[in-house]
Amino acid sequence: MLTIKDNFMETIKGGHPDRFVKQYEYMDLILDPILDHCGGFCNPGERKVNDWGVTVYWQEGTPGPFPVCEGDTKLIKDITLWKEVLKTPDPRQYSAEEWKAAEDLANATDRKEKFVSPFVVTGIFEKLHYFMGIEDTMINFYEEPEAMHDLIDHLTDWEIECAKVEIEHLHPNALFHHDDWGSQVSTFISPAMFEEFILPAYEKIYGFWKKNGIEVIIHHSDSYAATLVPYMIQMGVDVWQGAVYENNIPEILKNYGGKISIQGGLDNGKYDKADWSREAIHKGLGDLFETAGTRYLIPSLTMGGPGSTFDGVYDTVDKEIDEYSKKYFK
């Protein structure tokens, strides 16, 4: 029987796995001080202001936190003045004591079984709308492209500085990075605009990680992003986590399998709900395997981390994946 890590690698390389990868089992996600202080993360029912000055709120009963960005809580009201109003956190300001818990988790990981994976939230596009709101972000791509390029370059440099610190403390060998790039039915910006503004940033960020010990990059976008897959491959993404049904996963794997793998197929909005059932999860997985096959595919809920909004859903998906492994891997 292959180790969890080896089974994952066989899956994404199109080799000979002996079972399905079960969702996030191959990663030990490390929540470090940079995420805690600078990211878009807080606990359900909690509101916090991160070190950028962004107010983040997680409404209970919803899948995750979201920025509160209107009125006084909007950091950047005029993109041409971003250098005057944005206070960039120093990723090296956090104490050894704050880093200890993350280091202990990384050191406790059996690296023969699992990857040590920093958890990066939020990404470049998300930071933009966390700072100025989604409406202003979209308008500024058109009306103030020079300022947007400057801000994106600044955020890219900051992410690379964060990566240096995380590598020093955690010695990771995988990266789990969030950046939602679309709604359920469309990308937020056109592929051409994505290529101009977002792709160069991630070529630098993911290129840096891969030059410094990262074997696998997992990018989370639980959205429609099928038209961005060629750019994901170009920037170095190994696994796209969060692909919802509307992306046509079978078609993506047919066209790009071997260049990128997909982790998803069970949309949280359809299976992780108050009236969830094991029967629905069983059928959803069955339909996924019948249409998409088993190569380059990690069956999973689309939520951006191990867990579910409603108790029992995540563990039930794991159990059903085990049952299907008995059918497809004999």
C-alpha atoms as a PDB file:
ATOM      1  CA  MET A   1       0.000   0.000   0.000  1.00  0.00           C
ATOM      2  CA  LEU A   2       1.376   3.371  -1.005  1.00  0.00           C
ATOM      3  CA  THR A   3       1.912   6.130   1.522  1.00  0.00           C
ATOM      4  CA  ILE A   4      -0.579   8.996   1.426  1.00  0.00           C
ATOM      5  CA  LYS A   5       2.065  11.228  -0.150  1.00  0.00           C
ATOM      6  CA  ASP A   6       3.179   8.664  -2.738  1.00  0.00           C
ATOM      7  CA  ASN A   7      -0.429   7.883  -3.660  1.00  0.00           C
ATOM      8  CA  PHE A   8      -1.028  11.588  -4.217  1.00  0.00           C
ATOM      9  CA  MET A   9       2.065  11.915  -6.408  1.00  0.00           C
ATOM     10  CA  GLU A  10       1.055   8.890  -8.470  1.00  0.00           C
ATOM     11  CA  THR A  11      -2.355  10.499  -8.967  1.00  0.00           C
ATOM     12  CA  ILE A  12      -1.166  13.887 -10.178  1.00  0.00           C
ATOM     13  CA  LYS A  13       1.544  12.340 -12.369  1.00  0.00           C
ATOM     14  CA  GLY A  14      -0.872   9.931 -14.043  1.00  0.00           C
ATOM     15  CA  GLY A  15       0.952   6.934 -12.583  1.00  0.00           C
ATOM     16  CA  HIS A  16      -0.427   4.012 -10.640  1.00  0.00           C
ATOM     17  CA  PRO A  17      -2.197   5.095  -7.449  1.00  0.00           C
ATOM     18  CA  ASP A  18      -3.749   2.273  -5.449  1.00  0.00           C
ATOM     19  CA  ARG A  19      -6.735   4.301  -4.219  1.00  0.00           C
ATOM     20  CA  PHE A  20      -8.376   7.705  -4.539  1.00  0.00           C
ATOM     21  CA  VAL A  21      -6.753  10.598  -2.703  1.00  0.00           C
ATOM     22  CA  LYS A  22      -9.207  11.611   0.014  1.00  0.00           C
ATOM     23  CA  GLN A  23      -9.681  15.354  -0.191  1.00  0.00           C
ATOM     24  CA  TYR A  24      -6.986  17.138   1.857  1.00  0.00           C
ATOM     25  CA  GLU A  25      -5.420  14.071   3.432  1.00  0.00           C
ATOM     26  CA  TYR A  26      -2.042  14.670   1.742  1.00  0.00           C
ATOM     27  CA  MET A  27      -1.421  18.070   3.390  1.00  0.00           C
ATOM     28  CA  ASP A  28      -0.710  19.242   6.889  1.00  0.00           C
ATOM     29  CA  LEU A  29      -1.846  22.845   6.598  1.00  0.00           C
ATOM     30  CA  ILE A  30       0.182  25.245   8.727  1.00  0.00           C
ATOM     31  CA  LEU A  31      -1.556  28.365  10.017  1.00  0.00           C
ATOM     32  CA  ASP A  32       1.315  30.713  10.781  1.00  0.00           C
ATOM     33  CA  PRO A  33       1.527  34.251  12.254  1.00  0.00           C
ATOM     34  CA  ILE A  34       1.514  35.895   8.811  1.00  0.00           C
ATOM     35  CA  LEU A  35      -1.829  34.271   8.020  1.00  0.00           C
ATOM     36  CA  ASP A  36      -3.162  35.077  11.488  1.00  0.00           C
ATOM     37  CA  HIS A  37      -2.193  38.749  11.376  1.00  0.00           C
ATOM     38  CA  CYS A  38      -2.325  39.630   7.664  1.00  0.00           C
ATOM     39  CA  GLY A  39      -4.718  37.187   6.030  1.00  0.00           C
ATOM     40  CA  GLY A  40      -8.429  37.072   5.435  1.00  0.00           C
ATOM     41  CA  PHE A  41      -9.025  34.522   8.146  1.00  0.00           C
ATOM     42  CA  CYS A  42     -11.008  34.612  11.366  1.00  0.00           C
ATOM     43  CA  ASN A  43     -13.274  32.245  13.286  1.00  0.00           C
ATOM     44  CA  PRO A  44     -17.024  31.761  12.653  1.00  0.00           C
ATOM     45  CA  GLY A  45     -18.994  34.567  14.277  1.00  0.00           C
ATOM     46  CA  GLU A  46     -15.832  36.661  14.641  1.00  0.00           C
ATOM     47  CA  ARG A  47     -14.938  40.084  13.276  1.00  0.00           C
ATOM     48  CA  LYS A  48     -11.317  41.226  13.227  1.00  0.00           C
ATOM     49  CA  VAL A  49      -9.082  43.883  11.702  1.00  0.00           C
ATOM     50  CA  ASN A  50      -5.933  42.436  10.161  1.00  0.00           C
ATOM     51  CA  ASP A  51      -2.533  44.125  10.019  1.00  0.00           C
ATOM     52  CA  TRP A  52      -3.319  45.670   6.633  1.00  0.00           C
ATOM     53  CA  GLY A  53      -6.270  47.389   8.292  1.00  0.00           C
ATOM     54  CA  VAL A  54      -8.889  45.247   6.544  1.00  0.00           C
ATOM     55  CA  THR A  55     -12.005  44.359   8.533  1.00  0.00           C
ATOM     56  CA  VAL A  56     -12.914  40.695   8.073  1.00  0.00           C
ATOM     57  CA  TYR A  57     -16.121  39.013   9.252  1.00  0.00           C
ATOM     58  CA  TRP A  58     -17.231  35.372   9.221  1.00  0.00           C
ATOM     59  CA  GLN A  59     -20.974  35.059   9.517  1.00  0.00           C
ATOM     60  CA  GLU A  60     -21.931  31.834  11.269  1.00  0.00           C
ATOM     61  CA  GLY A  61     -23.489  29.214   9.025  1.00  0.00           C
ATOM     62  CA  THR A  62     -21.600  30.413   5.936  1.00  0.00           C
ATOM     63  CA  PRO A  63     -18.556  28.752   4.324  1.00  0.00           C
ATOM     64  CA  GLY A  64     -15.965  31.379   5.232  1.00  0.00           C
ATOM     65  CA  PRO A  65     -14.998  34.966   6.114  1.00  0.00           C
ATOM     66  CA  PHE A  66     -15.361  37.985   3.852  1.00  0.00           C
ATOM     67  CA  PRO A  67     -14.133  41.582   3.983  1.00  0.00           C
ATOM     68  CA  VAL A  68     -16.269  44.432   5.239  1.00  0.00           C
ATOM     69  CA  CYS A  69     -15.293  47.077   2.699  1.00  0.00           C
ATOM     70  CA  GLU A  70     -17.557  50.099   2.569  1.00  0.00           C
ATOM     71  CA  GLY A  71     -17.541  53.606   4.000  1.00  0.00           C
ATOM     72  CA  ASP A  72     -14.897  54.039   6.679  1.00  0.00           C
ATOM     73  CA  THR A  73     -13.765  50.420   6.387  1.00  0.00           C
ATOM     74  CA  LYS A  74     -12.686  50.851   2.750  1.00  0.00           C
ATOM     75  CA  LEU A  75      -8.919  51.331   2.849  1.00  0.00           C
ATOM     76  CA  ILE A  76      -8.287  52.573  -0.680  1.00  0.00           C
ATOM     77  CA  LYS A  77     -10.865  55.075  -1.860  1.00  0.00           C
ATOM     78  CA  ASP A  78      -8.667  56.485  -4.649  1.00  0.00           C
ATOM     79  CA  ILE A  79      -6.357  53.953  -6.306  1.00  0.00           C
ATOM     80  CA  THR A  80      -3.979  56.702  -7.464  1.00  0.00           C
ATOM     81  CA  LEU A  81      -3.262  57.460  -3.775  1.00  0.00           C
ATOM     82  CA  TRP A  82      -2.678  53.867  -2.628  1.00  0.00           C
ATOM     83  CA  LYS A  83       0.945  54.539  -1.636  1.00  0.00           C
ATOM     84  CA  GLU A  84      -0.203  57.247   0.753  1.00  0.00           C
ATOM     85  CA  VAL A  85      -2.895  55.225   2.538  1.00  0.00           C
ATOM     86  CA  LEU A  86      -1.786  51.577   2.479  1.00  0.00           C
ATOM     87  CA  LYS A  87       0.343  50.524   5.450  1.00  0.00           C
ATOM     88  CA  THR A  88       2.211  47.349   4.488  1.00  0.00           C
ATOM     89  CA  PRO A  89       2.896  44.904   7.350  1.00  0.00           C
ATOM     90  CA  ASP A  90       6.452  43.699   7.883  1.00  0.00           C
ATOM     91  CA  PRO A  91       6.345  39.877   7.646  1.00  0.00           C
ATOM     92  CA  ARG A  92       9.401  39.686   9.915  1.00  0.00           C
ATOM     93  CA  GLN A  93       7.808  41.547  12.815  1.00  0.00           C
ATOM     94  CA  TYR A  94       6.235  38.491  14.465  1.00  0.00           C
ATOM     95  CA  SER A  95       8.014  37.004  17.442  1.00  0.00           C
ATOM     96  CA  ALA A  96       9.697  33.633  17.821  1.00  0.00           C
ATOM     97  CA  GLU A  97       7.040  32.799  20.388  1.00  0.00           C
ATOM     98  CA  GLU A  98       4.299  33.448  17.828  1.00  0.00           C
ATOM     99  CA  TRP A  99       6.073  31.220  15.316  1.00  0.00           C
ATOM    100  CA  LYS A 100       6.604  28.356  17.745  1.00  0.00           C
ATOM    101  CA  ALA A 101       3.190  26.706  17.345  1.00  0.00           C
ATOM    102  CA  ALA A 102       3.495  26.693  13.544  1.00  0.00           C
ATOM    103  CA  GLU A 103       7.049  25.364  13.724  1.00  0.00           C
ATOM    104  CA  ASP A 104       5.977  22.614  16.105  1.00  0.00           C
ATOM    105  CA  LEU A 105       3.211  21.549  13.706  1.00  0.00           C
ATOM    106  CA  ALA A 106       5.630  21.500  10.776  1.00  0.00           C
ATOM    107  CA  ASN A 107       8.211  19.528  12.741  1.00  0.00           C
ATOM    108  CA  ALA A 108       5.587  17.007  13.878  1.00  0.00           C
ATOM    109  CA  THR A 109       4.537  16.177  10.302  1.00  0.00           C
ATOM    110  CA  ASP A 110       5.640  12.809   8.964  1.00  0.00           C
ATOM    111  CA  ARG A 111       7.058  14.077   5.685  1.00  0.00           C
ATOM    112  CA  LYS A 112       7.058  10.588   4.219  1.00  0.00           C
ATOM    113  CA  GLU A 113       3.266  10.614   4.539  1.00  0.00           C
ATOM    114  CA  LYS A 114       2.241  14.232   4.063  1.00  0.00           C
ATOM    115  CA  PHE A 115       3.335  17.603   2.757  1.00  0.00           C
ATOM    116  CA  VAL A 116       4.016  20.548   5.047  1.00  0.00           C
ATOM    117  CA  SER A 117       1.935  23.285   3.442  1.00  0.00           C
ATOM    118  CA  PRO A 118       1.738  26.958   4.395  1.00  0.00           C
ATOM    119  CA  PHE A 119      -1.815  28.254   4.104  1.00  0.00           C
ATOM    120  CA  VAL A 120      -1.821  31.566   2.183  1.00  0.00           C
ATOM    121  CA  VAL A 121      -5.043  33.592   2.345  1.00  0.00           C
ATOM    122  CA  THR A 122      -5.645  36.028   0.655  1.00  0.00           C
ATOM    123  CA  GLY A 123      -4.184  36.077  -2.862  1.00  0.00           C
ATOM    124  CA  ILE A 124      -3.416  38.979  -5.178  1.00  0.00           C
ATOM    125  CA  PHE A 125      -6.885  39.473  -6.686  1.00  0.00           C
ATOM    126  CA  GLU A 126      -8.576  39.036  -3.320  1.00  0.00           C
ATOM    127  CA  LYS A 127      -6.299  41.587  -1.674  1.00  0.00           C
ATOM    128  CA  LEU A 128      -7.351  44.136  -4.273  1.00  0.00           C
ATOM    129  CA  HIS A 129     -11.040  43.838  -3.466  1.00  0.00           C
ATOM    130  CA  TYR A 130     -10.316  43.516   0.266  1.00  0.00           C
ATOM    131  CA  PHE A 131      -8.641  46.933   0.056  1.00  0.00           C
ATOM    132  CA  MET A 132     -11.078  48.781  -2.217  1.00  0.00           C
ATOM    133  CA  GLY A 133     -14.219  46.686  -2.726  1.00  0.00           C
ATOM    134  CA  ILE A 134     -15.155  44.540  -5.689  1.00  0.00           C
ATOM    135  CA  GLU A 135     -16.840  47.350  -7.658  1.00  0.00           C
ATOM    136  CA  ASP A 136     -13.891  49.740  -7.448  1.00  0.00           C
ATOM    137  CA  THR A 137     -11.496  46.905  -8.233  1.00  0.00           C
ATOM    138  CA  MET A 138     -13.292  46.110 -11.484  1.00  0.00           C
ATOM    139  CA  ILE A 139     -13.535  49.774 -12.500  1.00  0.00           C
ATOM    140  CA  ASN A 140      -9.880  50.449 -11.693  1.00  0.00           C
ATOM    141  CA  PHE A 141      -8.671  47.682 -13.994  1.00  0.00           C
ATOM    142  CA  TYR A 142     -10.172  49.750 -16.825  1.00  0.00           C
ATOM    143  CA  GLU A 143      -9.768  53.328 -15.653  1.00  0.00           C
ATOM    144  CA  GLU A 144      -6.468  53.238 -13.713  1.00  0.00           C
ATOM    145  CA  PRO A 145      -4.413  50.342 -15.103  1.00  0.00           C
ATOM    146  CA  GLU A 146      -1.061  51.965 -14.300  1.00  0.00           C
ATOM    147  CA  ALA A 147      -1.900  52.353 -10.619  1.00  0.00           C
ATOM    148  CA  MET A 148      -3.291  48.815 -10.498  1.00  0.00           C
ATOM    149  CA  HIS A 149      -0.095  47.437 -12.023  1.00  0.00           C
ATOM    150  CA  ASP A 150       1.949  49.337  -9.440  1.00  0.00           C
ATOM    151  CA  LEU A 151      -0.141  48.029  -6.545  1.00  0.00           C
ATOM    152  CA  ILE A 152      -0.058  44.444  -7.857  1.00  0.00           C
ATOM    153  CA  ASP A 153       3.738  44.663  -8.217  1.00  0.00           C
ATOM    154  CA  HIS A 154       3.958  45.854  -4.613  1.00  0.00           C
ATOM    155  CA  LEU A 155       1.763  43.010  -3.363  1.00  0.00           C
ATOM    156  CA  THR A 156       3.790  40.508  -5.385  1.00  0.00           C
ATOM    157  CA  ASP A 157       7.020  41.678  -3.774  1.00  0.00           C
ATOM    158  CA  TRP A 158       5.361  41.482  -0.349  1.00  0.00           C
ATOM    159  CA  GLU A 159       4.189  37.914  -0.952  1.00  0.00           C
ATOM    160  CA  ILE A 160       7.717  36.891  -1.911  1.00  0.00           C
ATOM    161  CA  GLU A 161       9.071  38.453   1.296  1.00  0.00           C
ATOM    162  CA  CYS A 162       6.442  36.469   3.231  1.00  0.00           C
ATOM    163  CA  ALA A 163       7.507  33.312   1.415  1.00  0.00           C
ATOM    164  CA  LYS A 164      11.123  33.857   2.503  1.00  0.00           C
ATOM    165  CA  VAL A 165      10.041  34.066   6.149  1.00  0.00           C
ATOM    166  CA  GLU A 166       7.749  31.032   5.939  1.00  0.00           C
ATOM    167  CA  ILE A 167      10.453  28.961   4.274  1.00  0.00           C
ATOM    168  CA  GLU A 168      12.930  29.909   7.012  1.00  0.00           C
ATOM    169  CA  HIS A 169      10.554  28.863   9.795  1.00  0.00           C
ATOM    170  CA  LEU A 170       8.663  25.918   8.302  1.00  0.00           C
ATOM    171  CA  HIS A 171      10.829  24.377   5.562  1.00  0.00           C
ATOM    172  CA  PRO A 172       7.665  23.486   3.604  1.00  0.00           C
ATOM    173  CA  ASN A 173       7.478  21.204   0.583  1.00  0.00           C
ATOM    174  CA  ALA A 174       4.020  22.202  -0.698  1.00  0.00           C
ATOM    175  CA  LEU A 175       1.988  25.401  -0.878  1.00  0.00           C
ATOM    176  CA  PHE A 176      -1.770  25.869  -0.507  1.00  0.00           C
ATOM    177  CA  HIS A 177      -2.669  29.303  -1.848  1.00  0.00           C
ATOM    178  CA  HIS A 178      -6.085  30.954  -2.055  1.00  0.00           C
ATOM    179  CA  ASP A 179      -7.257  33.442  -4.653  1.00  0.00           C
ATOM    180  CA  ASP A 180     -10.851  33.240  -5.896  1.00  0.00           C
ATOM    181  CA  TRP A 181     -10.968  34.241  -9.550  1.00  0.00           C
ATOM    182  CA  GLY A 182     -14.630  33.888 -10.449  1.00  0.00           C
ATOM    183  CA  SER A 183     -18.259  33.428  -9.583  1.00  0.00           C
ATOM    184  CA  GLN A 184     -20.022  30.121 -10.107  1.00  0.00           C
ATOM    185  CA  VAL A 185     -20.663  30.871 -13.788  1.00  0.00           C
ATOM    186  CA  SER A 186     -17.873  33.189 -14.972  1.00  0.00           C
ATOM    187  CA  THR A 187     -14.449  34.599 -14.185  1.00  0.00           C
ATOM    188  CA  PHE A 188     -14.408  38.035 -12.568  1.00  0.00           C
ATOM    189  CA  ILE A 189     -12.180  39.457 -15.317  1.00  0.00           C
ATOM    190  CA  SER A 190     -11.590  38.362 -18.891  1.00  0.00           C
ATOM    191  CA  PRO A 191      -8.771  35.936 -19.717  1.00  0.00           C
ATOM    192  CA  ALA A 192      -6.959  38.746 -21.558  1.00  0.00           C
ATOM    193  CA  MET A 193      -7.134  41.019 -18.523  1.00  0.00           C
ATOM    194  CA  PHE A 194      -6.107  38.136 -16.257  1.00  0.00           C
ATOM    195  CA  GLU A 195      -3.086  37.539 -18.484  1.00  0.00           C
ATOM    196  CA  GLU A 196      -2.094  41.194 -18.281  1.00  0.00           C
ATOM    197  CA  PHE A 197      -2.586  41.851 -14.559  1.00  0.00           C
ATOM    198  CA  ILE A 198      -2.629  38.596 -12.583  1.00  0.00           C
ATOM    199  CA  LEU A 199      -0.524  36.049 -14.468  1.00  0.00           C
ATOM    200  CA  PRO A 200       2.810  37.935 -14.181  1.00  0.00           C
ATOM    201  CA  ALA A 201       2.356  38.246 -10.412  1.00  0.00           C
ATOM    202  CA  TYR A 202       1.848  34.521  -9.939  1.00  0.00           C
ATOM    203  CA  GLU A 203       4.651  33.570 -12.292  1.00  0.00           C
ATOM    204  CA  LYS A 204       6.947  35.450  -9.893  1.00  0.00           C
ATOM    205  CA  ILE A 205       5.315  34.211  -6.669  1.00  0.00           C
ATOM    206  CA  TYR A 206       4.937  30.547  -7.591  1.00  0.00           C
ATOM    207  CA  GLY A 207       8.271  30.607  -9.404  1.00  0.00           C
ATOM    208  CA  PHE A 208       9.954  31.748  -6.186  1.00  0.00           C
ATOM    209  CA  TRP A 209       8.320  29.017  -4.112  1.00  0.00           C
ATOM    210  CA  LYS A 210       9.306  26.324  -6.595  1.00  0.00           C
ATOM    211  CA  LYS A 211      12.907  27.506  -6.672  1.00  0.00           C
ATOM    212  CA  ASN A 212      13.012  27.187  -2.879  1.00  0.00           C
ATOM    213  CA  GLY A 213      11.921  23.661  -2.039  1.00  0.00           C
ATOM    214  CA  ILE A 214       8.245  23.557  -2.941  1.00  0.00           C
ATOM    215  CA  GLU A 215       7.378  20.368  -4.815  1.00  0.00           C
ATOM    216  CA  VAL A 216       3.649  20.958  -5.304  1.00  0.00           C
ATOM    217  CA  ILE A 217       1.511  24.080  -5.621  1.00  0.00           C
ATOM    218  CA  ILE A 218      -2.188  23.763  -4.886  1.00  0.00           C
ATOM    219  CA  HIS A 219      -4.256  26.773  -5.877  1.00  0.00           C
ATOM    220  CA  HIS A 220      -7.742  27.297  -4.453  1.00  0.00           C
ATOM    221  CA  SER A 221     -10.469  28.998  -6.455  1.00  0.00           C
ATOM    222  CA  ASP A 222     -13.897  27.512  -5.772  1.00  0.00           C
ATOM    223  CA  SER A 223     -15.418  29.089  -8.820  1.00  0.00           C
ATOM    224  CA  TYR A 224     -15.689  28.950 -12.548  1.00  0.00           C
ATOM    225  CA  ALA A 225     -12.159  29.342 -13.923  1.00  0.00           C
ATOM    226  CA  ALA A 226     -11.964  26.864 -16.804  1.00  0.00           C
ATOM    227  CA  THR A 227     -10.826  29.588 -19.209  1.00  0.00           C
ATOM    228  CA  LEU A 228      -7.881  30.340 -16.902  1.00  0.00           C
ATOM    229  CA  VAL A 229      -6.488  26.791 -16.800  1.00  0.00           C
ATOM    230  CA  PRO A 230      -3.768  27.496 -19.421  1.00  0.00           C
ATOM    231  CA  TYR A 231      -2.565  30.381 -17.243  1.00  0.00           C
ATOM    232  CA  MET A 232      -2.640  28.195 -14.118  1.00  0.00           C
ATOM    233  CA  ILE A 233      -0.356  25.762 -15.895  1.00  0.00           C
ATOM    234  CA  GLN A 234       1.910  28.586 -17.056  1.00  0.00           C
ATOM    235  CA  MET A 235       2.263  29.993 -13.532  1.00  0.00           C
ATOM    236  CA  GLY A 236       3.133  26.573 -12.086  1.00  0.00           C
ATOM    237  CA  VAL A 237      -0.062  25.306 -10.460  1.00  0.00           C
ATOM    238  CA  ASP A 238      -0.001  21.522 -10.012  1.00  0.00           C
ATOM    239  CA  VAL A 239      -3.468  21.088  -8.496  1.00  0.00           C
ATOM    240  CA  TRP A 240      -6.465  23.351  -8.964  1.00  0.00           C
ATOM    241  CA  GLN A 241      -8.548  22.888  -5.830  1.00  0.00           C
ATOM    242  CA  GLY A 242     -12.148  24.045  -5.800  1.00  0.00           C
ATOM    243  CA  ALA A 243     -13.276  23.394  -9.372  1.00  0.00           C
ATOM    244  CA  VAL A 244     -17.071  23.525  -9.291  1.00  0.00           C
ATOM    245  CA  TYR A 245     -19.396  21.540 -11.563  1.00  0.00           C
ATOM    246  CA  GLU A 246     -19.837  24.369 -14.090  1.00  0.00           C
ATOM    247  CA  ASN A 247     -16.194  24.067 -15.136  1.00  0.00           C
ATOM    248  CA  ASN A 248     -16.839  20.777 -16.953  1.00  0.00           C
ATOM    249  CA  ILE A 249     -14.162  18.795 -15.116  1.00  0.00           C
ATOM    250  CA  PRO A 250     -14.187  15.894 -17.604  1.00  0.00           C
ATOM    251  CA  GLU A 251     -13.372  18.311 -20.422  1.00  0.00           C
ATOM    252  CA  ILE A 252     -10.569  19.978 -18.448  1.00  0.00           C
ATOM    253  CA  LEU A 253      -8.974  16.640 -17.611  1.00  0.00           C
ATOM    254  CA  LYS A 254      -9.320  15.486 -21.216  1.00  0.00           C
ATOM    255  CA  ASN A 255      -7.551  18.592 -22.501  1.00  0.00           C
ATOM    256  CA  TYR A 256      -5.060  19.296 -19.710  1.00  0.00           C
ATOM    257  CA  GLY A 257      -4.628  16.094 -17.690  1.00  0.00           C
ATOM    258  CA  GLY A 258      -0.932  15.523 -17.169  1.00  0.00           C
ATOM    259  CA  LYS A 259      -0.280  19.270 -16.971  1.00  0.00           C
ATOM    260  CA  ILE A 260      -2.636  19.998 -14.070  1.00  0.00           C
ATOM    261  CA  SER A 261      -4.801  17.947 -11.707  1.00  0.00           C
ATOM    262  CA  ILE A 262      -8.224  18.780 -10.298  1.00  0.00           C
ATOM    263  CA  GLN A 263      -9.294  18.579  -6.660  1.00  0.00           C
ATOM    264  CA  GLY A 264     -13.033  19.098  -6.366  1.00  0.00           C
ATOM    265  CA  GLY A 265     -16.180  17.874  -8.044  1.00  0.00           C
ATOM    266  CA  LEU A 266     -18.504  18.120  -5.038  1.00  0.00           C
ATOM    267  CA  ASP A 267     -19.742  21.693  -4.815  1.00  0.00           C
ATOM    268  CA  ASN A 268     -20.294  22.686  -1.208  1.00  0.00           C
ATOM    269  CA  GLY A 269     -23.425  24.581  -2.203  1.00  0.00           C
ATOM    270  CA  LYS A 270     -25.006  21.346  -3.413  1.00  0.00           C
ATOM    271  CA  TYR A 271     -23.754  18.807  -0.880  1.00  0.00           C
ATOM    272  CA  ASP A 272     -22.771  20.779   2.229  1.00  0.00           C
ATOM    273  CA  LYS A 273     -26.180  22.076   3.308  1.00  0.00           C
ATOM    274  CA  ALA A 274     -28.674  21.712   6.111  1.00  0.00           C
ATOM    275  CA  ASP A 275     -30.509  18.801   4.453  1.00  0.00           C
ATOM    276  CA  TRP A 276     -27.372  16.991   3.260  1.00  0.00           C
ATOM    277  CA  SER A 277     -27.452  13.246   2.814  1.00  0.00           C
ATOM    278  CA  ARG A 278     -25.005  10.423   2.319  1.00  0.00           C
ATOM    279  CA  GLU A 279     -27.089   9.227  -0.621  1.00  0.00           C
ATOM    280  CA  ALA A 280     -26.614  12.521  -2.463  1.00  0.00           C
ATOM    281  CA  ILE A 281     -22.864  12.474  -1.794  1.00  0.00           C
ATOM    282  CA  HIS A 282     -22.655   8.872  -3.035  1.00  0.00           C
ATOM    283  CA  LYS A 283     -24.464   9.754  -6.240  1.00  0.00           C
ATOM    284  CA  GLY A 284     -22.427  12.913  -6.786  1.00  0.00           C
ATOM    285  CA  LEU A 285     -19.148  11.020  -6.509  1.00  0.00           C
ATOM    286  CA  GLY A 286     -20.453   8.251  -8.745  1.00  0.00           C
ATOM    287  CA  ASP A 287     -21.439  10.729 -11.448  1.00  0.00           C
ATOM    288  CA  LEU A 288     -18.028  12.420 -11.157  1.00  0.00           C
ATOM    289  CA  PHE A 289     -16.076   9.198 -11.642  1.00  0.00           C
ATOM    290  CA  GLU A 290     -18.289   7.986 -14.477  1.00  0.00           C
ATOM    291  CA  THR A 291     -17.816  11.214 -16.440  1.00  0.00           C
ATOM    292  CA  ALA A 292     -14.303  12.315 -15.457  1.00  0.00           C
ATOM    293  CA  GLY A 293     -12.551   9.013 -14.816  1.00  0.00           C
ATOM    294  CA  THR A 294      -9.905   8.586 -12.159  1.00  0.00           C
ATOM    295  CA  ARG A 295      -6.704  10.043 -13.653  1.00  0.00           C
ATOM    296  CA  TYR A 296      -5.462  13.416 -12.398  1.00  0.00           C
ATOM    297  CA  LEU A 297      -8.551  13.680 -10.177  1.00  0.00           C
ATOM    298  CA  ILE A 298      -8.759  14.189  -6.408  1.00  0.00           C
ATOM    299  CA  PRO A 299     -12.415  13.861  -5.337  1.00  0.00           C
ATOM    300  CA  SER A 300     -13.235  16.527  -2.802  1.00  0.00           C
ATOM    301  CA  LEU A 301     -15.611  19.153  -1.568  1.00  0.00           C
ATOM    302  CA  THR A 302     -14.778  22.522  -3.091  1.00  0.00           C
ATOM    303  CA  MET A 303     -14.389  24.449   0.197  1.00  0.00           C
ATOM    304  CA  GLY A 304     -10.948  25.955   0.621  1.00  0.00           C
ATOM    305  CA  GLY A 305      -9.792  23.752   3.462  1.00  0.00           C
ATOM    306  CA  PRO A 306     -10.532  20.463   5.228  1.00  0.00           C
ATOM    307  CA  GLY A 307     -13.942  20.663   6.818  1.00  0.00           C
ATOM    308  CA  SER A 308     -17.512  21.547   6.025  1.00  0.00           C
ATOM    309  CA  THR A 309     -20.145  24.076   7.020  1.00  0.00           C
ATOM    310  CA  PHE A 310     -22.447  21.352   8.343  1.00  0.00           C
ATOM    311  CA  ASP A 311     -21.170  18.698  10.729  1.00  0.00           C
ATOM    312  CA  GLY A 312     -20.571  15.293   9.257  1.00  0.00           C
ATOM    313  CA  VAL A 313     -20.396  16.217   5.589  1.00  0.00           C
ATOM    314  CA  TYR A 314     -16.613  16.192   5.207  1.00  0.00           C
ATOM    315  CA  ASP A 315     -16.163  12.875   7.035  1.00  0.00           C
ATOM    316  CA  THR A 316     -18.972  11.307   5.028  1.00  0.00           C
ATOM    317  CA  VAL A 317     -17.300  12.316   1.777  1.00  0.00           C
ATOM    318  CA  ASP A 318     -14.118  10.614   3.011  1.00  0.00           C
ATOM    319  CA  LYS A 319     -16.042   7.422   3.786  1.00  0.00           C
ATOM    320  CA  GLU A 320     -17.709   7.404   0.378  1.00  0.00           C
ATOM    321  CA  ILE A 321     -14.365   7.935  -1.355  1.00  0.00           C
ATOM    322  CA  ASP A 322     -13.062   4.870   0.506  1.00  0.00           C
ATOM    323  CA  GLU A 323     -16.014   2.859  -0.776  1.00  0.00           C
ATOM    324  CA  TYR A 324     -15.419   3.955  -4.365  1.00  0.00           C
ATOM    325  CA  SER A 325     -11.712   3.111  -4.065  1.00  0.00           C
ATOM    326  CA  LYS A 326     -12.751  -0.518  -3.534  1.00  0.00           C
ATOM    327  CA  LYS A 327     -14.607  -0.397  -6.847  1.00  0.00           C
ATOM    328  CA  TYR A 328     -12.104   1.436  -9.010  1.00  0.00           C
ATOM    329  CA  PHE A 329      -8.812   0.137  -7.567  1.00  0.00           C
ATOM    330  CA  LYS A 330      -8.732  -3.652  -7.336  1.00  0.00           C
END
